[in-house]
């Protein structure tokens, strides 16, 4: 009986040791899993932060590029408008010379032409004052309208 009691005691001791070992292993695995989950969460946070920074940089770069393009368009349109204004001034001077030599019948026609050229020049200069304005929203409309006006004036001068 002593032998059986000793075996039973050994069996109980072995079972207790097994339960304790399994408990320690489970706790260690659980902590390792939690540590891995925390590391993964931190890594994900860093990835999100990096992506947000990259997106912000891309937006800033796109805004800079759009601003540069708008300035180039404005400068090109301004140069074209200045050339058209000079062409109008030259046409007005030529009309003045023709008025000096014109007969009474021709003078009326040249005076009408001169008034039209002066009006075009004044309207063009008034619109040119708006080229420097901050017109992010209406720029395309302004550019289109103004470009059409410049083309029409160019055709009028040639005729």
Foldseek 3Di string as FASTA:
>chain_A
DVVVVVVVVVVVVVVVVVVVVVVVVVVVVVVVVVVVVVVVVVVVVVVVVVVVVVVVVVVVVVVVVVVVVLVVLLVVLLVLLVVLLVLLVVLLVVLVVCCVVDDPVVNVVSVVLNVVSVVLSVVSVVLSVCSPPDCPPCSVVSSVVNVVSSVVSVVSSVD
